[in-house]
Amino acid sequence: MQRIQKGDTLYVPDEPTTGLHPADVEKLMSQLHGLVDAGNTVIVIEHDMRVVAASDWVIDIGPGAGEDGGRIVASGTPADVVLATGSRTAPYLEHL
């Protein structure tokens, strides 16, 4: 993510906050927003609600894990997801 940015690149980090100190999560979010601002697309698979709340668009897949998951239960801005019934993510986003 530190290479010279030309835009038009797709980045798909999977749980990039795993093991990071909260201060480092803020730095990571700044880098991710910088990638988007440079014209790239960033799709993040993440459970850290601070990252989800700072996203432009959220796709909440569930309602649970494994055989209990796999369908979209909510999508939209974080504010949209907060209003979604059946979303297990909504109550956590609501408190941020």
Protein backbone atom coordinates (compact mmCIF):
# COMPACT_ATOMS: atom_id res chain seq x y z
CA MET A 1 0.00 0.00 0.00
CA GLN A 2 3.05 2.25 0.08
CA ARG A 3 3.77 2.18 -3.66
CA ILE A 4 3.26 5.21 -5.87
CA GLN A 5 -0.46 5.63 -6.39
CA LYS A 6 -1.89 5.85 -9.87
CA GLY A 7 -5.49 5.07 -8.91
CA ASP A 8 -7.73 2.47 -10.49
CA THR A 9 -6.44 -0.34 -8.24
CA LEU A 10 -8.63 -2.70 -6.22
CA TYR A 11 -7.44 -3.51 -2.69
CA VAL A 12 -9.15 -6.25 -0.64
CA PRO A 13 -7.56 -6.50 2.83
CA ASP A 14 -9.03 -9.26 5.02
CA GLU A 15 -9.25 -8.30 8.73
CA PRO A 16 -6.35 -5.82 8.52
CA THR A 17 -6.88 -4.64 12.11
CA THR A 18 -6.19 -8.06 13.64
CA GLY A 19 -3.51 -7.66 16.31
CA LEU A 20 -3.19 -3.90 15.89
CA HIS A 21 -3.09 -1.43 18.77
CA PRO A 22 -6.01 1.07 18.57
CA ALA A 23 -3.59 3.86 17.63
CA ASP A 24 -2.34 1.75 14.74
CA VAL A 25 -5.93 1.11 13.61
CA GLU A 26 -6.29 4.89 13.23
CA LYS A 27 -3.13 4.97 11.09
CA LEU A 28 -4.43 2.09 8.98
CA MET A 29 -7.74 3.86 8.45
CA SER A 30 -5.88 6.97 7.33
CA GLN A 31 -3.94 4.89 4.79
CA LEU A 32 -7.12 3.22 3.51
CA HIS A 33 -8.89 6.57 3.11
CA GLY A 34 -5.81 7.87 1.29
CA LEU A 35 -6.06 4.98 -1.17
CA VAL A 36 -9.70 5.84 -1.85
CA ASP A 37 -8.93 9.55 -2.17
CA ALA A 38 -6.29 8.63 -4.78
CA GLY A 39 -8.95 6.99 -6.97
CA ASN A 40 -8.61 3.39 -5.83
CA THR A 41 -11.32 1.02 -4.61
CA VAL A 42 -10.92 -0.56 -1.18
CA ILE A 43 -13.11 -3.44 -0.02
CA VAL A 44 -12.32 -4.39 3.57
CA ILE A 45 -13.48 -7.56 5.31
CA GLU A 46 -13.59 -6.37 8.92
CA HIS A 47 -15.21 -6.84 12.33
CA ASP A 48 -13.75 -3.75 14.03
CA MET A 49 -16.77 -1.47 14.38
CA ARG A 50 -14.65 1.71 14.21
CA VAL A 51 -13.56 0.69 10.72
CA VAL A 52 -17.10 -0.31 9.73
CA ALA A 53 -18.50 2.99 11.05
CA ALA A 54 -15.93 4.96 9.02
CA SER A 55 -16.79 3.15 5.78
CA ASP A 56 -18.61 4.67 2.84
CA TRP A 57 -20.69 1.52 2.31
CA VAL A 58 -21.32 -1.57 4.42
CA ILE A 59 -22.49 -5.01 3.35
CA ASP A 60 -23.58 -6.95 6.43
CA ILE A 61 -23.57 -10.69 5.74
CA GLY A 62 -25.20 -13.07 8.17
CA PRO A 63 -27.27 -13.45 10.17
CA GLY A 64 -24.72 -15.76 11.81
CA ALA A 65 -21.63 -17.71 10.86
CA GLY A 66 -21.16 -20.93 8.92
CA GLU A 67 -24.43 -22.58 7.96
CA ASP A 68 -26.32 -19.75 9.70
CA GLY A 69 -24.82 -17.08 7.46
CA GLY A 70 -24.15 -16.29 3.87
CA ARG A 71 -26.89 -13.86 2.93
CA ILE A 72 -26.97 -10.08 2.89
CA VAL A 73 -28.98 -8.86 5.89
CA ALA A 74 -28.22 -5.15 5.38
CA SER A 75 -26.34 -2.88 3.02
CA GLY A 76 -25.86 0.84 2.70
CA THR A 77 -24.14 3.57 4.62
CA PRO A 78 -23.36 2.85 8.26
CA ALA A 79 -26.42 4.99 9.16
CA ASP A 80 -28.58 2.76 6.93
CA VAL A 81 -27.25 -0.42 8.53
CA VAL A 82 -28.03 0.90 12.02
CA LEU A 83 -31.72 0.91 11.02
CA ALA A 84 -31.72 -2.62 9.59
CA THR A 85 -33.78 -5.14 11.50
CA GLY A 86 -32.16 -8.56 11.68
CA SER A 87 -28.65 -7.12 11.49
CA ARG A 88 -26.35 -8.22 14.31
CA THR A 89 -24.02 -5.39 13.33
CA ALA A 90 -26.64 -2.64 13.77
CA PRO A 91 -26.64 -2.51 17.60
CA TYR A 92 -22.85 -2.17 17.69
CA LEU A 93 -22.80 0.58 15.07
CA GLU A 94 -25.57 2.42 16.86
CA HIS A 95 -23.31 3.06 19.85
CA LEU A 96 -20.41 4.56 17.90
